[in-house]
């Protein structure tokens, strides 16, 4: 699957980039994730994205999925910070 970035560039989907940004934003709000939290969230995010069965997905759509998964997992404060972090 390919990701269409905000500036129009196209890159391969890489869950590791999402995991890194989740780590950074949780650290910034002084609510660091455990490795287990990161792995569980990453798995849920990746499954959601892959079940969409798209060849291309926009980075803003990925951001929405990540925010929704964070909220579903009970990390509402981090979800808001993540959304702000990537704008």
Protein backbone atom coordinates (compact mmCIF):
# COMPACT_ATOMS: atom_id res chain seq x y z
CA UNK A 1 0.00 0.00 0.00
CA UNK A 2 1.18 3.49 -0.80
CA UNK A 3 0.66 6.64 1.26
CA UNK A 4 -0.04 9.99 -0.37
CA UNK A 5 1.71 12.60 1.77
CA UNK A 6 0.38 16.14 2.34
CA UNK A 7 2.86 17.52 -0.19
CA UNK A 8 1.81 14.97 -2.83
CA UNK A 9 4.78 12.64 -2.50
CA UNK A 10 4.03 8.93 -2.48
CA UNK A 11 5.71 6.52 -0.06
CA UNK A 12 5.28 2.92 1.00
CA UNK A 13 3.12 2.45 4.09
CA UNK A 14 5.38 1.90 7.11
CA UNK A 15 3.81 1.11 10.49
CA UNK A 16 7.15 1.85 12.17
CA UNK A 17 6.71 5.56 11.34
CA UNK A 18 3.36 5.56 13.11
CA UNK A 19 4.83 3.75 16.11
CA UNK A 20 7.62 6.32 16.34
CA UNK A 21 5.19 9.25 16.17
CA UNK A 22 3.01 7.62 18.85
CA UNK A 23 6.04 7.29 21.11
CA UNK A 24 7.04 10.90 20.54
CA UNK A 25 3.63 12.41 21.14
CA UNK A 26 2.99 10.32 24.27
CA UNK A 27 6.36 11.42 25.65
CA UNK A 28 5.58 15.07 24.82
CA UNK A 29 2.40 14.98 26.91
CA UNK A 30 4.20 13.13 29.72
CA UNK A 31 2.04 10.03 29.29
CA UNK A 32 4.55 7.59 27.76
CA UNK A 33 3.20 4.42 26.23
CA UNK A 34 4.51 1.03 27.18
CA UNK A 35 5.94 -1.13 24.39
CA UNK A 36 2.82 -3.28 24.76
CA UNK A 37 0.56 -0.22 24.27
CA UNK A 38 2.48 0.78 21.15
CA UNK A 39 2.40 -2.73 19.69
CA UNK A 40 -1.32 -3.22 20.40
CA UNK A 41 -2.20 0.16 18.90
CA UNK A 42 0.02 -0.42 15.87
CA UNK A 43 -1.59 -3.81 15.25
CA UNK A 44 -5.11 -2.32 15.44
CA UNK A 45 -4.16 0.61 13.20
CA UNK A 46 -2.48 -1.61 10.62
CA UNK A 47 -5.40 -4.06 10.56
CA UNK A 48 -7.87 -1.21 10.04
CA UNK A 49 -5.82 0.24 7.20
CA UNK A 50 -5.20 -3.11 5.49
CA UNK A 51 -8.87 -4.15 5.65
CA UNK A 52 -9.68 -1.06 3.61
CA UNK A 53 -7.97 -2.88 0.75
CA UNK A 54 -6.78 0.31 -0.94
CA UNK A 55 -3.79 0.70 -3.19
CA UNK A 56 -3.34 4.33 -2.05
CA UNK A 57 -4.32 6.06 1.18
CA UNK A 58 -3.92 9.69 2.18
CA UNK A 59 -1.84 10.61 5.20
CA UNK A 60 -4.80 12.56 6.61
CA UNK A 61 -6.94 9.42 6.43
CA UNK A 62 -4.24 7.52 8.32
CA UNK A 63 -4.16 10.28 10.93
CA UNK A 64 -7.93 9.95 11.42
CA UNK A 65 -7.61 6.19 11.86
CA UNK A 66 -4.81 6.61 14.40
CA UNK A 67 -6.80 9.19 16.37
CA UNK A 68 -9.88 6.95 16.36
CA UNK A 69 -7.87 3.93 17.54
CA UNK A 70 -6.31 6.00 20.33
CA UNK A 71 -9.75 7.13 21.48
CA UNK A 72 -11.12 3.58 21.29
CA UNK A 73 -8.23 2.38 23.47
CA UNK A 74 -8.97 5.08 26.05
CA UNK A 75 -6.07 7.40 25.21
CA UNK A 76 -8.22 10.47 24.51
CA UNK A 77 -5.66 13.02 25.70
CA UNK A 78 -2.94 11.48 23.54
CA UNK A 79 -5.37 11.27 20.61
CA UNK A 80 -5.87 15.04 20.75
CA UNK A 81 -2.14 15.66 21.06
CA UNK A 82 -1.44 13.29 18.12
CA UNK A 83 -3.98 15.09 15.95
CA UNK A 84 -2.41 18.45 16.81
CA UNK A 85 1.14 17.06 16.41
CA UNK A 86 0.57 16.13 12.76
CA UNK A 87 -1.29 19.22 11.58
